[in-house]
Amino acid sequence: MAMDKKDGQSLLGPYESQLKNFLVPFVPKTVETYHLTLTTLLWSGLIILFGYLATINIHWLWGASVAIIFQYITDLLDGEIGRQRNTGLVRWGFYMDHFLDYIFLCAIIIGYALLLPATYYLELLFILSLVTAFMVNSFLRYGATSTFKIQYLGIGPTEMRLLFIFINTMIIIFGRTYMAFALPYVLVLTTIGLVVVVYRTQKSIWAMDMKKK
């Protein structure tokens, strides 16, 4: 079934494949693909918790970064475990995996919102809306072309996770004022990236229509 296949590859894609092949044998037989998928709820909850605790001691953000790493590992392995064990949960996996990706993204933004004064909430809302728009673009593109793509300009979910870990590290080292200073630049860069992605996507779909005309 095509929906479990992704089109394109991010900058770290080749290394991810090697890591996945290395980790799969260590997954216990009692752990099923849906167990791995649903752990995103746990990691999301922990990120919000660590975001709250970071308001007391900023070093709790290390815990949020660890939760991001564990979410990456379980997200990396769930599909492969399902394929190798032939669980048959292709449609369920596609639906839940990507829905929980959205929940995970919201958890990260909520964690940052807990660290910043309310005056920055509007900027965080715009950033959440823009990043979510990339997800919407992927699903609409899939509906129009039957190919699913979540990597754009060499950037995919893995690179975004690394960016969040980098942001956490910078906040721990330089304080919350660093994050407040960086928000406008993140907003501008995300907007530019979205415009480029949507332009390229609609252009390729237009070409497909004209080819069949």
N, C-alpha and C. Protein backbone atom coordinates (compact mmCIF):
# COMPACT_ATOMS: atom_id res chain seq x y z
N MET A 1 0.84 -1.20 0.00
CA MET A 1 0.00 0.00 0.00
C MET A 1 0.87 1.24 0.00
N ALA A 2 0.55 2.24 -0.82
CA ALA A 2 1.42 3.38 -1.05
C ALA A 2 1.53 4.31 0.13
N MET A 3 0.54 4.35 1.03
CA MET A 3 0.54 5.36 2.07
C MET A 3 1.61 5.17 3.12
N ASP A 4 2.26 4.01 3.16
CA ASP A 4 3.34 3.83 4.11
C ASP A 4 4.69 4.16 3.50
N LYS A 5 4.70 4.68 2.26
CA LYS A 5 5.92 5.06 1.58
C LYS A 5 6.02 6.57 1.50
N LYS A 6 7.22 7.09 1.71
CA LYS A 6 7.43 8.53 1.65
C LYS A 6 8.27 8.89 0.44
N ASP A 7 7.94 10.02 -0.16
CA ASP A 7 8.65 10.50 -1.34
C ASP A 7 9.73 11.48 -0.90
N GLY A 8 10.93 11.33 -1.44
CA GLY A 8 12.00 12.24 -1.11
C GLY A 8 12.78 11.79 0.11
N GLN A 9 13.89 12.51 0.35
CA GLN A 9 14.75 12.15 1.47
C GLN A 9 15.38 13.41 2.05
N SER A 10 15.45 13.47 3.37
CA SER A 10 16.04 14.62 4.03
C SER A 10 17.56 14.49 4.06
N LEU A 11 18.22 15.50 4.59
CA LEU A 11 19.68 15.51 4.65
C LEU A 11 20.23 14.32 5.45
N LEU A 12 19.51 13.95 6.50
CA LEU A 12 19.98 12.88 7.38
C LEU A 12 19.36 11.53 7.05
N GLY A 13 18.59 11.46 5.95
CA GLY A 13 17.90 10.24 5.56
C GLY A 13 18.78 9.00 5.49
N PRO A 14 19.92 9.05 4.80
CA PRO A 14 20.77 7.84 4.70
C PRO A 14 21.26 7.34 6.05
N TYR A 15 21.56 8.26 6.94
CA TYR A 15 22.04 7.87 8.27
C TYR A 15 20.90 7.30 9.12
N GLU A 16 19.69 7.81 8.89
CA GLU A 16 18.52 7.29 9.60
C GLU A 16 18.29 5.83 9.26
N SER A 17 18.45 5.48 7.99
CA SER A 17 18.25 4.10 7.57
C SER A 17 19.22 3.17 8.28
N GLN A 18 20.47 3.60 8.39
CA GLN A 18 21.47 2.78 9.09
C GLN A 18 21.12 2.64 10.57
N LEU A 19 20.69 3.75 11.18
CA LEU A 19 20.32 3.70 12.59
C LEU A 19 19.12 2.80 12.81
N LYS A 20 18.15 2.88 11.92
CA LYS A 20 16.95 2.06 12.05
C LYS A 20 17.30 0.57 11.95
N ASN A 21 18.12 0.21 11.00
CA ASN A 21 18.53 -1.19 10.84
C ASN A 21 19.29 -1.68 12.06
N PHE A 22 20.02 -0.77 12.71
CA PHE A 22 20.79 -1.15 13.89
C PHE A 22 19.88 -1.36 15.09
N LEU A 23 18.84 -0.53 15.23
CA LEU A 23 18.00 -0.56 16.43
C LEU A 23 16.90 -1.61 16.40
N VAL A 24 16.39 -1.94 15.23
CA VAL A 24 15.25 -2.86 15.12
C VAL A 24 15.47 -4.17 15.87
N PRO A 25 16.63 -4.82 15.77
CA PRO A 25 16.81 -6.10 16.48
C PRO A 25 16.70 -5.99 18.00
N PHE A 26 16.84 -4.78 18.53
CA PHE A 26 16.79 -4.60 19.99
C PHE A 26 15.36 -4.41 20.51
N VAL A 27 14.40 -4.27 19.60
CA VAL A 27 13.01 -4.07 20.03
C VAL A 27 12.43 -5.41 20.46
N PRO A 28 11.97 -5.55 21.70
CA PRO A 28 11.43 -6.84 22.19
C PRO A 28 10.22 -7.29 21.37
N LYS A 29 10.03 -8.59 21.27
CA LYS A 29 8.91 -9.14 20.51
C LYS A 29 7.56 -8.73 21.11
N THR A 30 7.56 -8.43 22.40
CA THR A 30 6.31 -8.05 23.06
C THR A 30 5.89 -6.61 22.74
N VAL A 31 6.82 -5.84 22.17
CA VAL A 31 6.53 -4.45 21.82
C VAL A 31 6.03 -4.41 20.38
N GLU A 32 4.79 -3.99 20.22
CA GLU A 32 4.18 -3.94 18.89
C GLU A 32 4.31 -2.55 18.29
N THR A 33 4.03 -2.47 17.00
CA THR A 33 4.14 -1.19 16.30
C THR A 33 3.24 -0.13 16.91
N TYR A 34 2.03 -0.52 17.33
CA TYR A 34 1.11 0.48 17.89
C TYR A 34 1.56 0.96 19.26
N HIS A 35 2.31 0.12 19.99
CA HIS A 35 2.88 0.56 21.26
C HIS A 35 3.85 1.72 21.01
N LEU A 36 4.70 1.55 20.01
CA LEU A 36 5.69 2.57 19.69
C LEU A 36 5.01 3.86 19.21
N THR A 37 3.98 3.71 18.39
CA THR A 37 3.28 4.89 17.88
C THR A 37 2.64 5.68 19.03
N LEU A 38 1.98 4.98 19.93
CA LEU A 38 1.25 5.65 21.00
C LEU A 38 2.15 6.26 22.08
N THR A 39 3.43 5.87 22.10
CA THR A 39 4.32 6.47 23.10
C THR A 39 4.52 7.97 22.85
N THR A 40 4.16 8.43 21.65
CA THR A 40 4.25 9.87 21.39
C THR A 40 3.40 10.66 22.38
N LEU A 41 2.30 10.06 22.85
CA LEU A 41 1.49 10.71 23.87
C LEU A 41 2.29 10.91 25.16
N LEU A 42 3.08 9.90 25.52
CA LEU A 42 3.93 9.99 26.71
C LEU A 42 4.98 11.08 26.54
N TRP A 43 5.68 11.05 25.41
CA TRP A 43 6.73 12.04 25.17
C TRP A 43 6.15 13.46 25.13
N SER A 44 4.97 13.61 24.54
CA SER A 44 4.32 14.93 24.47
C SER A 44 3.99 15.44 25.87
N GLY A 45 3.44 14.55 26.69
CA GLY A 45 3.12 14.94 28.06
C GLY A 45 4.36 15.33 28.85
N LEU A 46 5.44 14.59 28.65
CA LEU A 46 6.68 14.89 29.36
C LEU A 46 7.27 16.23 28.93
N ILE A 47 7.16 16.54 27.65
CA ILE A 47 7.69 17.82 27.16
C ILE A 47 6.95 18.99 27.82
N ILE A 48 5.63 18.87 27.93
CA ILE A 48 4.87 19.93 28.61
C ILE A 48 5.25 20.00 30.08
N LEU A 49 5.41 18.83 30.71
CA LEU A 49 5.82 18.80 32.12
C LEU A 49 7.18 19.45 32.30
N PHE A 50 8.14 19.08 31.46
CA PHE A 50 9.49 19.65 31.59
C PHE A 50 9.48 21.15 31.26
N GLY A 51 8.60 21.57 30.35
CA GLY A 51 8.48 22.99 30.07
C GLY A 51 8.01 23.76 31.30
N TYR A 52 7.06 23.16 32.02
CA TYR A 52 6.59 23.78 33.27
C TYR A 52 7.70 23.80 34.32
N LEU A 53 8.38 22.67 34.49
CA LEU A 53 9.45 22.60 35.48
C LEU A 53 10.60 23.54 35.14
N ALA A 54 10.78 23.81 33.85
CA ALA A 54 11.86 24.71 33.43
C ALA A 54 11.59 26.15 33.85
N THR A 55 10.34 26.47 34.17
CA THR A 55 10.05 27.80 34.69
C THR A 55 10.63 27.96 36.09
N ILE A 56 10.89 26.84 36.74
CA ILE A 56 11.49 26.85 38.09
C ILE A 56 13.00 26.71 37.98
N ASN A 57 13.43 25.78 37.14
CA ASN A 57 14.86 25.56 36.89
C ASN A 57 15.05 25.27 35.42
N ILE A 58 15.73 26.15 34.71
CA ILE A 58 15.83 26.07 33.25
C ILE A 58 16.49 24.77 32.79
N HIS A 59 17.24 24.12 33.64
CA HIS A 59 17.94 22.89 33.26
C HIS A 59 16.97 21.72 33.02
N TRP A 60 15.71 21.86 33.43
CA TRP A 60 14.73 20.84 33.11
C TRP A 60 14.51 20.72 31.60
N LEU A 61 14.95 21.72 30.86
CA LEU A 61 14.82 21.64 29.40
C LEU A 61 15.65 20.50 28.82
N TRP A 62 16.68 20.07 29.54
CA TRP A 62 17.41 18.88 29.09
C TRP A 62 16.47 17.68 29.04
N GLY A 63 15.55 17.61 29.99
CA GLY A 63 14.56 16.53 29.98
C GLY A 63 13.68 16.60 28.74
N ALA A 64 13.29 17.81 28.34
CA ALA A 64 12.49 17.97 27.13
C ALA A 64 13.26 17.50 25.91
N SER A 65 14.56 17.79 25.86
CA SER A 65 15.39 17.35 24.73
C SER A 65 15.50 15.83 24.69
N VAL A 66 15.61 15.21 25.87
CA VAL A 66 15.65 13.74 25.94
C VAL A 66 14.34 13.15 25.45
N ALA A 67 13.21 13.77 25.82
CA ALA A 67 11.90 13.30 25.35
C ALA A 67 11.80 13.41 23.83
N ILE A 68 12.37 14.47 23.25
CA ILE A 68 12.38 14.62 21.79
C ILE A 68 13.17 13.49 21.16
N ILE A 69 14.30 13.14 21.76
CA ILE A 69 15.13 12.05 21.23
C ILE A 69 14.37 10.72 21.27
N PHE A 70 13.72 10.44 22.39
CA PHE A 70 12.97 9.18 22.51
C PHE A 70 11.78 9.15 21.55
N GLN A 71 11.13 10.30 21.35
CA GLN A 71 10.04 10.33 20.38
C GLN A 71 10.56 10.05 18.98
N TYR A 72 11.74 10.56 18.68
CA TYR A 72 12.35 10.30 17.38
C TYR A 72 12.60 8.80 17.20
N ILE A 73 13.14 8.16 18.23
CA ILE A 73 13.48 6.73 18.13
C ILE A 73 12.22 5.89 17.93
N THR A 74 11.18 6.15 18.74
CA THR A 74 9.96 5.35 18.60
C THR A 74 9.26 5.63 17.27
N ASP A 75 9.31 6.88 16.81
CA ASP A 75 8.71 7.23 15.53
C ASP A 75 9.49 6.60 14.38
N LEU A 76 10.79 6.50 14.54
CA LEU A 76 11.64 5.89 13.51
C LEU A 76 11.36 4.40 13.37
N LEU A 77 11.06 3.75 14.51
CA LEU A 77 10.97 2.29 14.52
C LEU A 77 9.56 1.74 14.30
N ASP A 78 8.52 2.54 14.58
CA ASP A 78 7.18 1.95 14.57
C ASP A 78 6.78 1.39 13.20
N GLY A 79 7.05 2.16 12.14
CA GLY A 79 6.68 1.69 10.80
C GLY A 79 7.48 0.47 10.37
N GLU A 80 8.77 0.48 10.69
CA GLU A 80 9.63 -0.63 10.30
C GLU A 80 9.25 -1.91 11.04
N ILE A 81 8.93 -1.78 12.32
CA ILE A 81 8.48 -2.95 13.09
C ILE A 81 7.18 -3.49 12.50
N GLY A 82 6.29 -2.60 12.12
CA GLY A 82 5.03 -3.03 11.52
C GLY A 82 5.24 -3.77 10.22
N ARG A 83 6.17 -3.29 9.40
CA ARG A 83 6.45 -3.95 8.12
C ARG A 83 7.09 -5.32 8.33
N GLN A 84 8.09 -5.37 9.20
CA GLN A 84 8.81 -6.63 9.40
C GLN A 84 7.94 -7.70 10.05
N ARG A 85 7.02 -7.28 10.92
CA ARG A 85 6.16 -8.25 11.61
C ARG A 85 4.80 -8.39 10.96
N ASN A 86 4.61 -7.65 9.86
CA ASN A 86 3.38 -7.75 9.07
C ASN A 86 2.13 -7.59 9.94
N THR A 87 2.09 -6.49 10.70
CA THR A 87 0.96 -6.25 11.59
C THR A 87 -0.31 -5.88 10.83
N GLY A 88 -0.14 -5.36 9.61
CA GLY A 88 -1.30 -4.99 8.81
C GLY A 88 -1.90 -3.64 9.16
N LEU A 89 -1.30 -2.93 10.12
CA LEU A 89 -1.87 -1.66 10.56
C LEU A 89 -1.33 -0.49 9.71
N VAL A 90 -1.51 -0.59 8.41
CA VAL A 90 -0.98 0.43 7.50
C VAL A 90 -1.82 1.71 7.59
N ARG A 91 -3.14 1.57 7.40
CA ARG A 91 -4.01 2.75 7.45
C ARG A 91 -4.02 3.36 8.86
N TRP A 92 -4.15 2.51 9.88
CA TRP A 92 -4.15 2.99 11.24
C TRP A 92 -2.83 3.68 11.56
N GLY A 93 -1.73 3.07 11.15
CA GLY A 93 -0.42 3.64 11.40
C GLY A 93 -0.24 4.98 10.72
N PHE A 94 -0.69 5.09 9.47
CA PHE A 94 -0.59 6.35 8.74
C PHE A 94 -1.37 7.44 9.47
N TYR A 95 -2.59 7.11 9.86
CA TYR A 95 -3.46 8.08 10.52
C TYR A 95 -2.91 8.50 11.88
N MET A 96 -2.66 7.54 12.75
CA MET A 96 -2.25 7.84 14.12
C MET A 96 -0.86 8.45 14.18
N ASP A 97 0.04 7.96 13.35
CA ASP A 97 1.41 8.45 13.36
C ASP A 97 1.44 9.95 13.07
N HIS A 98 0.72 10.35 12.03
CA HIS A 98 0.77 11.76 11.63
C HIS A 98 -0.11 12.64 12.50
N PHE A 99 -1.20 12.09 13.02
CA PHE A 99 -2.00 12.87 13.96
C PHE A 99 -1.20 13.14 15.23
N LEU A 100 -0.49 12.13 15.71
CA LEU A 100 0.31 12.30 16.92
C LEU A 100 1.52 13.19 16.68
N ASP A 101 2.00 13.24 15.45
CA ASP A 101 3.06 14.20 15.12
C ASP A 101 2.57 15.62 15.38
N TYR A 102 1.31 15.87 15.04
CA TYR A 102 0.72 17.19 15.29
C TYR A 102 0.61 17.44 16.80
N ILE A 103 0.16 16.44 17.54
CA ILE A 103 0.07 16.57 18.99
C ILE A 103 1.45 16.86 19.59
N PHE A 104 2.46 16.18 19.08
CA PHE A 104 3.83 16.36 19.56
C PHE A 104 4.31 17.78 19.29
N LEU A 105 4.02 18.28 18.09
CA LEU A 105 4.40 19.65 17.75
C LEU A 105 3.72 20.65 18.67
N CYS A 106 2.43 20.45 18.93
CA CYS A 106 1.70 21.34 19.84
C CYS A 106 2.31 21.31 21.24
N ALA A 107 2.72 20.13 21.68
CA ALA A 107 3.32 19.99 23.01
C ALA A 107 4.61 20.81 23.11
N ILE A 108 5.41 20.80 22.06
CA ILE A 108 6.65 21.57 22.05
C ILE A 108 6.35 23.07 22.14
N ILE A 109 5.38 23.54 21.36
CA ILE A 109 5.03 24.95 21.39
C ILE A 109 4.45 25.34 22.75
N ILE A 110 3.63 24.46 23.33
CA ILE A 110 3.09 24.72 24.66
C ILE A 110 4.22 24.81 25.68
N GLY A 111 5.20 23.91 25.57
CA GLY A 111 6.35 23.94 26.46
C GLY A 111 7.09 25.26 26.40
N TYR A 112 7.27 25.78 25.18
CA TYR A 112 7.93 27.08 25.03
C TYR A 112 7.05 28.22 25.55
N ALA A 113 5.74 28.10 25.34
CA ALA A 113 4.82 29.14 25.81
C ALA A 113 4.88 29.27 27.33
N LEU A 114 5.11 28.15 28.02
CA LEU A 114 5.21 28.19 29.48
C LEU A 114 6.43 28.98 29.95
N LEU A 115 7.44 29.05 29.08
CA LEU A 115 8.68 29.72 29.44
C LEU A 115 8.67 31.22 29.17
N LEU A 116 7.76 31.66 28.31
CA LEU A 116 7.77 33.05 27.86
C LEU A 116 6.60 33.84 28.41
N PRO A 117 6.76 35.14 28.54
CA PRO A 117 5.63 36.00 28.94
C PRO A 117 4.51 35.93 27.91
N ALA A 118 3.31 36.26 28.34
CA ALA A 118 2.14 36.19 27.47
C ALA A 118 2.26 37.08 26.24
N THR A 119 3.12 38.08 26.28
CA THR A 119 3.28 38.98 25.14
C THR A 119 3.84 38.28 23.91
N TYR A 120 4.43 37.09 24.11
CA TYR A 120 5.01 36.36 22.99
C TYR A 120 4.08 35.26 22.46
N TYR A 121 2.91 35.12 23.06
CA TYR A 121 2.01 34.04 22.67
C TYR A 121 1.57 34.17 21.21
N LEU A 122 1.35 35.40 20.74
CA LEU A 122 0.90 35.59 19.37
C LEU A 122 1.95 35.11 18.38
N GLU A 123 3.21 35.40 18.66
CA GLU A 123 4.29 34.93 17.78
C GLU A 123 4.36 33.41 17.77
N LEU A 124 4.22 32.80 18.94
CA LEU A 124 4.23 31.34 19.01
C LEU A 124 3.05 30.74 18.25
N LEU A 125 1.90 31.42 18.33
CA LEU A 125 0.71 30.94 17.60
C LEU A 125 0.95 30.99 16.10
N PHE A 126 1.57 32.06 15.63
CA PHE A 126 1.88 32.17 14.20
C PHE A 126 2.88 31.09 13.77
N ILE A 127 3.87 30.83 14.60
CA ILE A 127 4.85 29.79 14.28
C ILE A 127 4.18 28.42 14.22
N LEU A 128 3.31 28.13 15.18
CA LEU A 128 2.58 26.87 15.17
C LEU A 128 1.73 26.75 13.90
N SER A 129 1.07 27.84 13.53
CA SER A 129 0.23 27.83 12.33
C SER A 129 1.06 27.58 11.08
N LEU A 130 2.23 28.20 11.00
CA LEU A 130 3.07 28.05 9.82
C LEU A 130 3.64 26.64 9.71
N VAL A 131 4.12 26.11 10.84
CA VAL A 131 4.67 24.75 10.81
C VAL A 131 3.57 23.74 10.50
N THR A 132 2.38 23.96 11.06
CA THR A 132 1.25 23.10 10.76
C THR A 132 0.90 23.16 9.28
N ALA A 133 1.08 24.32 8.67
CA ALA A 133 0.79 24.48 7.24
C ALA A 133 1.66 23.56 6.39
N PHE A 134 2.89 23.29 6.83
CA PHE A 134 3.73 22.32 6.11
C PHE A 134 3.08 20.94 6.14
N MET A 135 2.50 20.57 7.28
CA MET A 135 1.82 19.29 7.40
C MET A 135 0.59 19.24 6.50
N VAL A 136 -0.18 20.33 6.50
CA VAL A 136 -1.36 20.40 5.64
C VAL A 136 -0.95 20.28 4.18
N ASN A 137 0.13 20.95 3.81
CA ASN A 137 0.62 20.88 2.43
C ASN A 137 0.95 19.44 2.04
N SER A 138 1.56 18.69 2.97
CA SER A 138 1.93 17.30 2.68
C SER A 138 0.70 16.45 2.40
N PHE A 139 -0.34 16.62 3.21
CA PHE A 139 -1.54 15.80 3.03
C PHE A 139 -2.32 16.20 1.78
N LEU A 140 -2.38 17.50 1.49
CA LEU A 140 -3.06 17.94 0.27
C LEU A 140 -2.29 17.48 -0.97
N ARG A 141 -0.97 17.52 -0.88
CA ARG A 141 -0.15 17.04 -1.99
C ARG A 141 -0.36 15.54 -2.20
N TYR A 142 -0.48 14.81 -1.09
CA TYR A 142 -0.73 13.38 -1.18
C TYR A 142 -2.08 13.11 -1.86
N GLY A 143 -3.10 13.91 -1.48
CA GLY A 143 -4.40 13.74 -2.11
C GLY A 143 -4.40 14.05 -3.59
N ALA A 144 -3.54 14.99 -4.00
CA ALA A 144 -3.51 15.41 -5.40
C ALA A 144 -2.59 14.55 -6.26
N THR A 145 -1.55 13.95 -5.66
CA THR A 145 -0.54 13.24 -6.45
C THR A 145 -0.38 11.77 -6.06
N SER A 146 -0.96 11.36 -4.93
CA SER A 146 -0.80 9.99 -4.40
C SER A 146 0.62 9.69 -3.97
N THR A 147 1.43 10.73 -3.77
CA THR A 147 2.77 10.56 -3.21
C THR A 147 2.86 11.40 -1.94
N PHE A 148 3.44 10.81 -0.91
CA PHE A 148 3.49 11.48 0.39
C PHE A 148 4.90 12.00 0.63
N LYS A 149 5.00 13.30 0.84
CA LYS A 149 6.30 13.93 1.01
C LYS A 149 6.29 14.80 2.26
N ILE A 150 7.22 14.55 3.17
CA ILE A 150 7.32 15.36 4.39
C ILE A 150 8.69 16.00 4.53
N GLN A 151 9.53 15.87 3.51
CA GLN A 151 10.84 16.52 3.52
C GLN A 151 10.85 17.59 2.44
N TYR A 152 11.19 18.79 2.82
CA TYR A 152 11.24 19.89 1.87
C TYR A 152 12.54 20.66 2.05
N LEU A 153 13.17 21.00 0.92
CA LEU A 153 14.43 21.75 0.93
C LEU A 153 15.48 21.04 1.78
N GLY A 154 15.40 19.70 1.79
CA GLY A 154 16.35 18.90 2.56
C GLY A 154 16.03 18.82 4.04
N ILE A 155 14.92 19.44 4.45
CA ILE A 155 14.55 19.50 5.86
C ILE A 155 13.31 18.63 6.10
N GLY A 156 13.40 17.75 7.08
CA GLY A 156 12.28 16.89 7.44
C GLY A 156 12.08 16.89 8.94
N PRO A 157 11.24 16.01 9.45
CA PRO A 157 10.97 15.95 10.89
C PRO A 157 12.23 15.74 11.74
N THR A 158 13.18 14.97 11.24
CA THR A 158 14.40 14.72 12.02
C THR A 158 15.20 15.99 12.21
N GLU A 159 15.36 16.74 11.13
CA GLU A 159 16.10 17.99 11.21
C GLU A 159 15.39 18.99 12.13
N MET A 160 14.05 18.98 12.10
CA MET A 160 13.28 19.87 12.97
C MET A 160 13.47 19.50 14.43
N ARG A 161 13.53 18.20 14.72
CA ARG A 161 13.76 17.78 16.10
C ARG A 161 15.13 18.27 16.59
N LEU A 162 16.12 18.16 15.71
CA LEU A 162 17.46 18.65 16.07
C LEU A 162 17.45 20.15 16.30
N LEU A 163 16.64 20.87 15.53
CA LEU A 163 16.52 22.31 15.72
C LEU A 163 15.93 22.62 17.09
N PHE A 164 14.91 21.87 17.49
CA PHE A 164 14.30 22.10 18.81
C PHE A 164 15.30 21.80 19.93
N ILE A 165 16.08 20.74 19.76
CA ILE A 165 17.10 20.42 20.76
C ILE A 165 18.15 21.53 20.83
N PHE A 166 18.51 22.07 19.67
CA PHE A 166 19.47 23.18 19.62
C PHE A 166 18.89 24.41 20.33
N ILE A 167 17.62 24.70 20.07
CA ILE A 167 16.96 25.83 20.72
C ILE A 167 16.95 25.64 22.23
N ASN A 168 16.61 24.43 22.68
CA ASN A 168 16.62 24.14 24.12
C ASN A 168 17.99 24.40 24.73
N THR A 169 19.02 23.95 24.02
CA THR A 169 20.39 24.13 24.52
C THR A 169 20.75 25.60 24.62
N MET A 170 20.38 26.38 23.61
CA MET A 170 20.67 27.81 23.61
C MET A 170 19.92 28.52 24.75
N ILE A 171 18.69 28.09 25.01
CA ILE A 171 17.92 28.70 26.10
C ILE A 171 18.58 28.40 27.44
N ILE A 172 19.04 27.16 27.60
CA ILE A 172 19.70 26.77 28.85
C ILE A 172 20.97 27.58 29.06
N ILE A 173 21.73 27.78 27.98
CA ILE A 173 23.02 28.48 28.09
C ILE A 173 22.84 29.99 28.23
N PHE A 174 21.96 30.57 27.39
CA PHE A 174 21.86 32.02 27.32
C PHE A 174 20.61 32.60 27.99
N GLY A 175 19.67 31.73 28.38
CA GLY A 175 18.48 32.21 29.06
C GLY A 175 17.30 32.40 28.12
N ARG A 176 16.16 32.72 28.70
CA ARG A 176 14.92 32.86 27.93
C ARG A 176 14.94 34.05 26.99
N THR A 177 15.73 35.05 27.31
CA THR A 177 15.79 36.24 26.45
C THR A 177 16.32 35.87 25.07
N TYR A 178 17.16 34.82 25.00
CA TYR A 178 17.67 34.37 23.70
C TYR A 178 16.52 33.89 22.83
N MET A 179 15.61 33.13 23.42
CA MET A 179 14.47 32.61 22.66
C MET A 179 13.57 33.75 22.19
N ALA A 180 13.31 34.72 23.08
CA ALA A 180 12.47 35.85 22.72
C ALA A 180 13.10 36.64 21.57
N PHE A 181 14.41 36.78 21.61
CA PHE A 181 15.12 37.50 20.55
C PHE A 181 15.04 36.76 19.22
N ALA A 182 15.07 35.42 19.27
CA ALA A 182 15.11 34.61 18.05
C ALA A 182 13.75 34.43 17.39
N LEU A 183 12.66 34.61 18.14
CA LEU A 183 11.33 34.32 17.61
C LEU A 183 11.01 35.04 16.30
N PRO A 184 11.27 36.34 16.17
CA PRO A 184 10.95 37.01 14.90
C PRO A 184 11.70 36.42 13.71
N TYR A 185 12.95 36.02 13.92
CA TYR A 185 13.74 35.44 12.84
C TYR A 185 13.19 34.06 12.45
N VAL A 186 12.79 33.29 13.45
CA VAL A 186 12.17 31.98 13.17
C VAL A 186 10.89 32.18 12.38
N LEU A 187 10.11 33.18 12.76
CA LEU A 187 8.85 33.48 12.08
C LEU A 187 9.08 33.84 10.62
N VAL A 188 10.06 34.69 10.37
CA VAL A 188 10.36 35.12 8.99
C VAL A 188 10.87 33.95 8.15
N LEU A 189 11.82 33.20 8.70
CA LEU A 189 12.39 32.07 7.95
C LEU A 189 11.35 31.00 7.66
N THR A 190 10.48 30.74 8.63
CA THR A 190 9.43 29.75 8.42
C THR A 190 8.46 30.20 7.35
N THR A 191 8.14 31.48 7.34
CA THR A 191 7.23 32.02 6.32
C THR A 191 7.83 31.89 4.94
N ILE A 192 9.10 32.26 4.81
CA ILE A 192 9.78 32.15 3.52
C ILE A 192 9.82 30.70 3.05
N GLY A 193 10.15 29.79 3.97
CA GLY A 193 10.20 28.37 3.62
C GLY A 193 8.86 27.85 3.15
N LEU A 194 7.79 28.26 3.83
CA LEU A 194 6.45 27.81 3.44
C LEU A 194 6.07 28.34 2.06
N VAL A 195 6.37 29.59 1.79
CA VAL A 195 6.07 30.17 0.48
C VAL A 195 6.79 29.41 -0.63
N VAL A 196 8.05 29.11 -0.41
CA VAL A 196 8.84 28.36 -1.41
C VAL A 196 8.25 26.97 -1.63
N VAL A 197 7.92 26.29 -0.54
CA VAL A 197 7.39 24.93 -0.63
C VAL A 197 6.05 24.91 -1.36
N VAL A 198 5.14 25.81 -0.99
CA VAL A 198 3.82 25.85 -1.62
C VAL A 198 3.95 26.21 -3.10
N TYR A 199 4.84 27.14 -3.41
CA TYR A 199 5.04 27.51 -4.82
C TYR A 199 5.53 26.31 -5.63
N ARG A 200 6.51 25.60 -5.11
CA ARG A 200 7.04 24.43 -5.83
C ARG A 200 6.00 23.33 -5.94
N THR A 201 5.22 23.14 -4.88
CA THR A 201 4.21 22.09 -4.90
C THR A 201 3.14 22.36 -5.93
N GLN A 202 2.59 23.57 -5.90
CA GLN A 202 1.52 23.89 -6.85
C GLN A 202 2.05 23.87 -8.29
N LYS A 203 3.31 24.24 -8.47
CA LYS A 203 3.89 24.24 -9.81
C LYS A 203 3.99 22.81 -10.36
N SER A 204 4.41 21.87 -9.50
CA SER A 204 4.53 20.48 -9.95
C SER A 204 3.16 19.86 -10.22
N ILE A 205 2.16 20.22 -9.41
CA ILE A 205 0.81 19.69 -9.62
C ILE A 205 0.20 20.29 -10.89
N TRP A 206 0.46 21.57 -11.12
CA TRP A 206 0.02 22.24 -12.35
C TRP A 206 0.58 21.50 -13.56
N ALA A 207 1.86 21.18 -13.51
CA ALA A 207 2.52 20.48 -14.63
C ALA A 207 1.88 19.11 -14.86
N MET A 208 1.52 18.43 -13.78
CA MET A 208 0.84 17.12 -13.90
C MET A 208 -0.49 17.27 -14.61
N ASP A 209 -1.25 18.31 -14.25
CA ASP A 209 -2.54 18.55 -14.90
C ASP A 209 -2.37 18.84 -16.38
N MET A 210 -1.39 19.68 -16.70
CA MET A 210 -1.18 20.06 -18.10
C MET A 210 -0.70 18.87 -18.94
N LYS A 211 0.03 17.97 -18.31
CA LYS A 211 0.53 16.80 -19.01
C LYS A 211 -0.61 15.88 -19.41
N LYS A 212 -1.66 15.83 -18.58
CA LYS A 212 -2.81 14.97 -18.85
C LYS A 212 -3.89 15.65 -19.67
N LYS A 213 -3.71 16.94 -19.93
CA LYS A 213 -4.73 17.71 -20.63
C LYS A 213 -4.95 17.20 -22.05
